[in-house]
Protein backbone atom coordinates (compact mmCIF):
# COMPACT_ATOMS: atom_id res chain seq x y z
CA UNK A 1 -2.36 -24.19 8.33
CA UNK A 2 1.38 -24.58 8.17
CA UNK A 3 3.65 -25.60 5.31
CA UNK A 4 7.01 -27.21 5.76
CA UNK A 5 9.89 -24.68 5.42
CA UNK A 6 10.89 -25.88 1.95
CA UNK A 7 7.35 -25.56 0.60
CA UNK A 8 6.89 -22.17 2.27
CA UNK A 9 9.98 -20.86 0.46
CA UNK A 10 8.43 -21.82 -2.89
CA UNK A 11 5.07 -20.05 -2.41
CA UNK A 12 4.36 -17.53 -5.18
CA UNK A 13 5.32 -13.97 -4.30
CA UNK A 14 1.94 -12.75 -5.62
CA UNK A 15 -0.10 -14.65 -3.03
CA UNK A 16 -1.59 -12.36 -0.39
CA UNK A 17 -3.34 -12.73 2.96
CA UNK A 18 -4.84 -10.11 5.28
CA UNK A 19 -2.23 -10.97 7.93
CA UNK A 20 0.40 -9.44 5.65
CA UNK A 21 -1.09 -6.00 6.37
CA UNK A 22 -1.17 -6.30 10.17
CA UNK A 23 1.87 -5.31 12.20
CA UNK A 24 3.61 -8.48 13.30
CA UNK A 25 6.06 -8.49 16.20
CA UNK A 26 7.52 -11.78 15.04
CA UNK A 27 10.49 -11.45 12.68
CA UNK A 28 10.49 -13.67 9.63
CA UNK A 29 6.70 -13.95 9.29
CA UNK A 30 5.60 -15.37 5.94
CA UNK A 31 2.40 -16.28 4.10
CA UNK A 32 2.52 -19.90 5.26
CA UNK A 33 1.83 -18.71 8.82
CA UNK A 34 -1.54 -17.21 7.88
CA UNK A 35 -4.37 -18.74 9.85
CA UNK A 36 -7.31 -16.88 8.29
CA UNK A 37 -7.71 -19.22 5.31
CA UNK A 38 -8.42 -16.14 3.19
CA UNK A 39 -5.96 -15.69 0.32
CA UNK A 40 -5.97 -13.83 -2.97
CA UNK A 41 -3.76 -13.43 -6.01
CA UNK A 42 -2.15 -10.07 -6.73
CA UNK A 43 -2.61 -10.66 -10.47
CA UNK A 44 -6.39 -11.13 -10.34
CA UNK A 45 -7.26 -9.51 -6.98
CA UNK A 46 -9.52 -12.45 -6.12
CA UNK A 47 -9.31 -16.01 -4.80
CA UNK A 48 -8.41 -17.47 -8.20
CA UNK A 49 -5.11 -17.08 -10.00
CA UNK A 50 -4.82 -16.17 -13.70
CA UNK A 51 -4.93 -19.88 -14.52
CA UNK A 52 -8.34 -20.26 -12.83
CA UNK A 53 -7.03 -22.34 -9.93
CA UNK A 54 -7.51 -21.47 -6.24
CA UNK A 55 -4.96 -19.09 -4.74
CA UNK A 56 -3.68 -20.65 -1.49
CA UNK A 57 -0.24 -21.65 -0.21
CA UNK A 58 -0.62 -25.33 -1.09
CA UNK A 59 -1.55 -24.49 -4.70
CA UNK A 60 0.61 -21.42 -5.39
CA UNK A 61 3.79 -23.40 -5.93
CA UNK A 62 6.30 -23.92 -8.74
CA UNK A 63 4.72 -25.56 -11.75
CA UNK A 64 1.80 -23.18 -12.15
CA UNK A 65 2.02 -20.99 -15.24
CA UNK A 66 1.52 -17.84 -13.15
CA UNK A 67 3.98 -18.74 -10.36
CA UNK A 68 6.56 -16.06 -9.49
CA UNK A 69 9.38 -16.39 -7.01
CA UNK A 70 11.61 -13.58 -5.64
């Protein structure tokens, strides 16, 4: 899975993936580079956000009531 750079910049800061907790030698790694397909929301600690929708890069974008950006 790979988002275009503009979309990747808009992914909610509360979206998490297990790759975020593995040492990466590549500078500039971000959530859109995750290949596991396993994501969760920091707010709920599960695969659904507070609004009941799936937590994944394509969905965790501006427009969702729970979306947060840096």
